[in-house]
Amino acid sequence: MDGKIIQHRALSDPSRVRLLEHLRASERSRSTDELAAQLGLHPNTVRAHLLVLEEAELVVSVSERGGRPGRPRKLFAAVPGEAAEEHALLAAALASSLEPLPDGA
C-alpha cells in the first residue's frame, strides 16, 4: 500500500493526531506510560495508536538503555518531516471526514 495512504489513515484519528503533535512538541522521547498520563488516555490505547503511527513512519521507537531488571521500555519520538506535506495530509484527512454520505447526511 502507498505510504501516503497509510499516513492519511494514521492521521484520520483525532487521538493519534493529538499524540503525534504531543511527541513533536516534546524535547525528548517519551514512554507509553508518560504519554498516557499526559494525554489522559489508557496506556493500551496509547500503545495501539503508537503502533499505527510507527507503521505509517510518523513515529520511531527505541529501547531505553538502563540498569533496570526486566525488559527495557520503549521510548517514542516523532519522525522529523516536512511540515507543509504533513499539514496537507492532515487537511485531506479532515476534509474526507466532512464528505457527504450517500444518504445526504
N, C-alpha and C. Protein backbone atom coordinates (compact mmCIF):
# COMPACT_ATOMS: atom_id res chain seq x y z
N MET A 1 0.84 -1.17 0.00
CA MET A 1 0.00 0.00 0.00
C MET A 1 0.89 1.25 0.00
N ASP A 2 0.43 2.27 -0.66
CA ASP A 2 1.17 3.53 -0.77
C ASP A 2 1.39 4.15 0.61
N GLY A 3 2.61 4.64 0.84
CA GLY A 3 2.95 5.24 2.14
C GLY A 3 2.09 6.42 2.50
N LYS A 4 1.70 7.22 1.49
CA LYS A 4 0.85 8.39 1.75
C LYS A 4 -0.54 7.96 2.22
N ILE A 5 -1.04 6.87 1.68
CA ILE A 5 -2.36 6.38 2.10
C ILE A 5 -2.28 5.89 3.54
N ILE A 6 -1.20 5.19 3.89
CA ILE A 6 -1.02 4.70 5.25
C ILE A 6 -0.94 5.88 6.22
N GLN A 7 -0.21 6.92 5.84
CA GLN A 7 -0.11 8.11 6.69
C GLN A 7 -1.47 8.80 6.81
N HIS A 8 -2.18 8.88 5.70
CA HIS A 8 -3.51 9.51 5.71
C HIS A 8 -4.43 8.78 6.69
N ARG A 9 -4.42 7.46 6.63
CA ARG A 9 -5.25 6.67 7.55
C ARG A 9 -4.80 6.85 8.99
N ALA A 10 -3.49 6.91 9.20
CA ALA A 10 -2.97 7.09 10.57
C ALA A 10 -3.42 8.42 11.15
N LEU A 11 -3.50 9.44 10.32
CA LEU A 11 -3.86 10.78 10.78
C LEU A 11 -5.37 11.02 10.77
N SER A 12 -6.14 10.02 10.43
CA SER A 12 -7.59 10.20 10.38
C SER A 12 -8.24 10.10 11.76
N ASP A 13 -7.47 9.71 12.76
CA ASP A 13 -8.00 9.60 14.12
C ASP A 13 -7.52 10.79 14.95
N PRO A 14 -8.44 11.54 15.55
CA PRO A 14 -8.03 12.73 16.34
C PRO A 14 -7.08 12.42 17.49
N SER A 15 -7.24 11.26 18.12
CA SER A 15 -6.34 10.92 19.23
C SER A 15 -4.92 10.69 18.74
N ARG A 16 -4.79 10.08 17.56
CA ARG A 16 -3.44 9.87 17.00
C ARG A 16 -2.81 11.20 16.60
N VAL A 17 -3.60 12.10 16.06
CA VAL A 17 -3.08 13.42 15.70
C VAL A 17 -2.60 14.13 16.95
N ARG A 18 -3.40 14.09 18.00
CA ARG A 18 -3.03 14.72 19.27
C ARG A 18 -1.74 14.11 19.83
N LEU A 19 -1.65 12.80 19.76
CA LEU A 19 -0.46 12.08 20.24
C LEU A 19 0.77 12.49 19.44
N LEU A 20 0.63 12.54 18.13
CA LEU A 20 1.75 12.93 17.28
C LEU A 20 2.17 14.37 17.54
N GLU A 21 1.21 15.26 17.68
CA GLU A 21 1.54 16.66 17.99
C GLU A 21 2.26 16.78 19.33
N HIS A 22 1.83 15.98 20.29
CA HIS A 22 2.49 15.99 21.60
C HIS A 22 3.94 15.53 21.49
N LEU A 23 4.17 14.48 20.72
CA LEU A 23 5.54 13.99 20.53
C LEU A 23 6.39 15.00 19.78
N ARG A 24 5.82 15.69 18.82
CA ARG A 24 6.58 16.70 18.07
C ARG A 24 6.97 17.87 18.97
N ALA A 25 6.13 18.20 19.91
CA ALA A 25 6.41 19.32 20.80
C ALA A 25 7.39 18.94 21.91
N SER A 26 7.59 17.65 22.10
CA SER A 26 8.46 17.18 23.18
C SER A 26 9.93 17.30 22.79
N GLU A 27 10.75 17.62 23.76
CA GLU A 27 12.19 17.75 23.53
C GLU A 27 12.92 16.42 23.67
N ARG A 28 12.21 15.39 24.13
CA ARG A 28 12.85 14.08 24.29
C ARG A 28 11.84 12.98 23.99
N SER A 29 12.35 11.77 23.85
CA SER A 29 11.48 10.62 23.62
C SER A 29 10.65 10.34 24.87
N ARG A 30 9.48 9.80 24.68
CA ARG A 30 8.54 9.55 25.78
C ARG A 30 8.13 8.08 25.81
N SER A 31 7.85 7.60 27.03
CA SER A 31 7.36 6.24 27.20
C SER A 31 5.84 6.23 27.03
N THR A 32 5.30 5.05 26.83
CA THR A 32 3.85 4.89 26.71
C THR A 32 3.14 5.38 27.96
N ASP A 33 3.67 5.04 29.13
CA ASP A 33 3.04 5.46 30.37
C ASP A 33 3.04 6.98 30.53
N GLU A 34 4.15 7.62 30.17
CA GLU A 34 4.21 9.08 30.23
C GLU A 34 3.17 9.71 29.31
N LEU A 35 3.11 9.20 28.08
CA LEU A 35 2.16 9.74 27.11
C LEU A 35 0.72 9.54 27.57
N ALA A 36 0.44 8.36 28.11
CA ALA A 36 -0.92 8.08 28.59
C ALA A 36 -1.32 9.05 29.70
N ALA A 37 -0.41 9.29 30.64
CA ALA A 37 -0.71 10.20 31.74
C ALA A 37 -0.89 11.64 31.25
N GLN A 38 -0.05 12.05 30.33
CA GLN A 38 -0.11 13.43 29.84
C GLN A 38 -1.33 13.69 28.97
N LEU A 39 -1.80 12.67 28.25
CA LEU A 39 -2.92 12.86 27.34
C LEU A 39 -4.25 12.36 27.91
N GLY A 40 -4.22 11.75 29.09
CA GLY A 40 -5.45 11.27 29.70
C GLY A 40 -6.04 10.07 28.99
N LEU A 41 -5.19 9.22 28.44
CA LEU A 41 -5.62 8.01 27.74
C LEU A 41 -5.10 6.79 28.47
N HIS A 42 -5.72 5.65 28.23
CA HIS A 42 -5.24 4.39 28.81
C HIS A 42 -3.95 3.98 28.10
N PRO A 43 -2.97 3.43 28.83
CA PRO A 43 -1.72 3.02 28.19
C PRO A 43 -1.91 2.05 27.02
N ASN A 44 -2.87 1.14 27.11
CA ASN A 44 -3.10 0.22 25.99
C ASN A 44 -3.61 0.96 24.75
N THR A 45 -4.41 1.98 24.96
CA THR A 45 -4.90 2.80 23.85
C THR A 45 -3.73 3.53 23.21
N VAL A 46 -2.86 4.08 24.03
CA VAL A 46 -1.68 4.79 23.52
C VAL A 46 -0.79 3.83 22.74
N ARG A 47 -0.58 2.63 23.26
CA ARG A 47 0.25 1.63 22.55
C ARG A 47 -0.31 1.34 21.17
N ALA A 48 -1.63 1.16 21.09
CA ALA A 48 -2.27 0.86 19.80
C ALA A 48 -2.09 2.02 18.82
N HIS A 49 -2.27 3.25 19.31
CA HIS A 49 -2.09 4.41 18.44
C HIS A 49 -0.63 4.55 18.00
N LEU A 50 0.31 4.31 18.91
CA LEU A 50 1.72 4.40 18.57
C LEU A 50 2.12 3.37 17.52
N LEU A 51 1.53 2.19 17.59
CA LEU A 51 1.82 1.15 16.60
C LEU A 51 1.38 1.62 15.21
N VAL A 52 0.20 2.20 15.12
CA VAL A 52 -0.29 2.71 13.83
C VAL A 52 0.61 3.83 13.32
N LEU A 53 0.99 4.75 14.20
CA LEU A 53 1.86 5.85 13.80
C LEU A 53 3.25 5.36 13.39
N GLU A 54 3.73 4.32 14.07
CA GLU A 54 5.04 3.76 13.73
C GLU A 54 4.98 3.06 12.37
N GLU A 55 3.91 2.33 12.11
CA GLU A 55 3.75 1.67 10.81
C GLU A 55 3.65 2.68 9.68
N ALA A 56 3.11 3.86 9.97
CA ALA A 56 3.00 4.93 8.98
C ALA A 56 4.29 5.74 8.87
N GLU A 57 5.30 5.35 9.64
CA GLU A 57 6.61 6.00 9.66
C GLU A 57 6.53 7.47 10.08
N LEU A 58 5.59 7.76 11.01
CA LEU A 58 5.47 9.09 11.59
C LEU A 58 6.12 9.15 12.96
N VAL A 59 6.36 7.97 13.55
CA VAL A 59 6.93 7.84 14.89
C VAL A 59 7.97 6.73 14.85
N VAL A 60 9.04 6.90 15.63
CA VAL A 60 10.05 5.85 15.77
C VAL A 60 10.15 5.47 17.24
N SER A 61 10.58 4.24 17.49
CA SER A 61 10.77 3.80 18.87
C SER A 61 12.19 3.30 19.05
N VAL A 62 12.68 3.45 20.27
CA VAL A 62 13.98 2.93 20.66
C VAL A 62 13.82 2.29 22.03
N SER A 63 14.66 1.31 22.30
CA SER A 63 14.65 0.69 23.62
C SER A 63 15.52 1.52 24.55
N GLU A 64 14.99 1.79 25.73
CA GLU A 64 15.71 2.59 26.71
C GLU A 64 16.85 1.76 27.30
N ARG A 65 18.00 2.35 27.35
CA ARG A 65 19.14 1.68 27.97
C ARG A 65 19.17 2.06 29.43
N GLY A 66 19.38 1.08 30.26
CA GLY A 66 19.43 1.37 31.69
C GLY A 66 19.76 0.11 32.45
N GLY A 67 20.03 0.28 33.70
CA GLY A 67 20.42 -0.84 34.52
C GLY A 67 19.27 -1.51 35.24
N ARG A 68 18.05 -1.24 34.82
CA ARG A 68 16.91 -1.85 35.48
C ARG A 68 16.73 -3.29 35.04
N PRO A 69 16.25 -4.14 35.96
CA PRO A 69 15.98 -5.53 35.56
C PRO A 69 14.74 -5.58 34.67
N GLY A 70 14.65 -6.64 33.90
CA GLY A 70 13.48 -6.84 33.04
C GLY A 70 13.69 -6.28 31.64
N ARG A 71 12.63 -6.34 30.90
CA ARG A 71 12.67 -5.87 29.52
C ARG A 71 12.80 -4.35 29.49
N PRO A 72 13.67 -3.83 28.61
CA PRO A 72 13.78 -2.36 28.53
C PRO A 72 12.49 -1.76 27.97
N ARG A 73 12.12 -0.61 28.49
CA ARG A 73 10.90 0.02 27.99
C ARG A 73 11.19 0.73 26.68
N LYS A 74 10.16 0.86 25.87
CA LYS A 74 10.28 1.54 24.59
C LYS A 74 9.98 3.02 24.78
N LEU A 75 10.77 3.82 24.11
CA LEU A 75 10.56 5.26 24.09
C LEU A 75 10.22 5.67 22.67
N PHE A 76 9.32 6.64 22.54
CA PHE A 76 8.82 7.05 21.23
C PHE A 76 9.12 8.51 20.95
N ALA A 77 9.39 8.79 19.68
CA ALA A 77 9.63 10.16 19.24
C ALA A 77 9.03 10.33 17.85
N ALA A 78 8.64 11.55 17.55
CA ALA A 78 8.10 11.87 16.22
C ALA A 78 9.24 11.89 15.21
N VAL A 79 8.95 11.43 14.01
CA VAL A 79 9.91 11.48 12.92
C VAL A 79 9.89 12.90 12.36
N PRO A 80 11.05 13.55 12.26
CA PRO A 80 11.05 14.88 11.66
C PRO A 80 10.61 14.77 10.20
N GLY A 81 9.80 15.71 9.78
CA GLY A 81 9.32 15.69 8.40
C GLY A 81 8.98 17.08 7.95
N GLU A 82 8.59 17.16 6.70
CA GLU A 82 8.21 18.45 6.16
C GLU A 82 6.83 18.83 6.67
N ALA A 83 6.76 19.92 7.38
CA ALA A 83 5.50 20.35 8.00
C ALA A 83 4.42 20.61 6.96
N ALA A 84 4.76 21.20 5.84
CA ALA A 84 3.75 21.52 4.83
C ALA A 84 3.09 20.26 4.29
N GLU A 85 3.90 19.24 4.01
CA GLU A 85 3.36 17.99 3.50
C GLU A 85 2.47 17.31 4.53
N GLU A 86 2.89 17.34 5.79
CA GLU A 86 2.10 16.72 6.84
C GLU A 86 0.80 17.49 7.08
N HIS A 87 0.85 18.80 6.97
CA HIS A 87 -0.37 19.59 7.12
C HIS A 87 -1.34 19.28 5.98
N ALA A 88 -0.80 19.05 4.80
CA ALA A 88 -1.65 18.70 3.67
C ALA A 88 -2.33 17.35 3.92
N LEU A 89 -1.59 16.39 4.47
CA LEU A 89 -2.17 15.09 4.80
C LEU A 89 -3.27 15.23 5.84
N LEU A 90 -3.00 16.02 6.86
CA LEU A 90 -3.99 16.24 7.91
C LEU A 90 -5.22 16.93 7.35
N ALA A 91 -5.02 17.93 6.51
CA ALA A 91 -6.15 18.64 5.91
C ALA A 91 -6.99 17.69 5.06
N ALA A 92 -6.32 16.81 4.31
CA ALA A 92 -7.05 15.84 3.49
C ALA A 92 -7.83 14.87 4.36
N ALA A 93 -7.23 14.44 5.47
CA ALA A 93 -7.93 13.53 6.38
C ALA A 93 -9.16 14.19 6.98
N LEU A 94 -9.01 15.44 7.40
CA LEU A 94 -10.14 16.16 7.97
C LEU A 94 -11.22 16.43 6.93
N ALA A 95 -10.80 16.80 5.73
CA ALA A 95 -11.77 17.08 4.66
C ALA A 95 -12.55 15.83 4.28
N SER A 96 -11.87 14.68 4.27
CA SER A 96 -12.57 13.44 3.90
C SER A 96 -13.61 13.06 4.94
N SER A 97 -13.42 13.47 6.19
CA SER A 97 -14.41 13.17 7.21
C SER A 97 -15.64 14.05 7.07
N LEU A 98 -15.54 15.13 6.30
CA LEU A 98 -16.65 16.04 6.10
C LEU A 98 -17.42 15.77 4.81
N GLU A 99 -16.96 14.81 4.01
CA GLU A 99 -17.64 14.50 2.76
C GLU A 99 -19.05 14.01 3.05
N PRO A 100 -20.00 14.42 2.23
CA PRO A 100 -21.38 13.97 2.46
C PRO A 100 -21.51 12.46 2.26
N LEU A 101 -22.37 11.88 3.04
CA LEU A 101 -22.64 10.45 2.94
C LEU A 101 -23.63 10.21 1.79
N PRO A 102 -23.68 8.95 1.28
CA PRO A 102 -24.59 8.66 0.17
C PRO A 102 -26.05 9.01 0.45
N ASP A 103 -26.46 8.95 1.72
CA ASP A 103 -27.87 9.26 2.05
C ASP A 103 -28.09 10.76 2.21
N GLY A 104 -27.04 11.57 1.95
CA GLY A 104 -27.18 13.01 2.00
C GLY A 104 -26.88 13.64 3.34
N ALA A 105 -26.55 12.82 4.34
CA ALA A 105 -26.27 13.38 5.69
C ALA A 105 -24.97 14.13 5.69
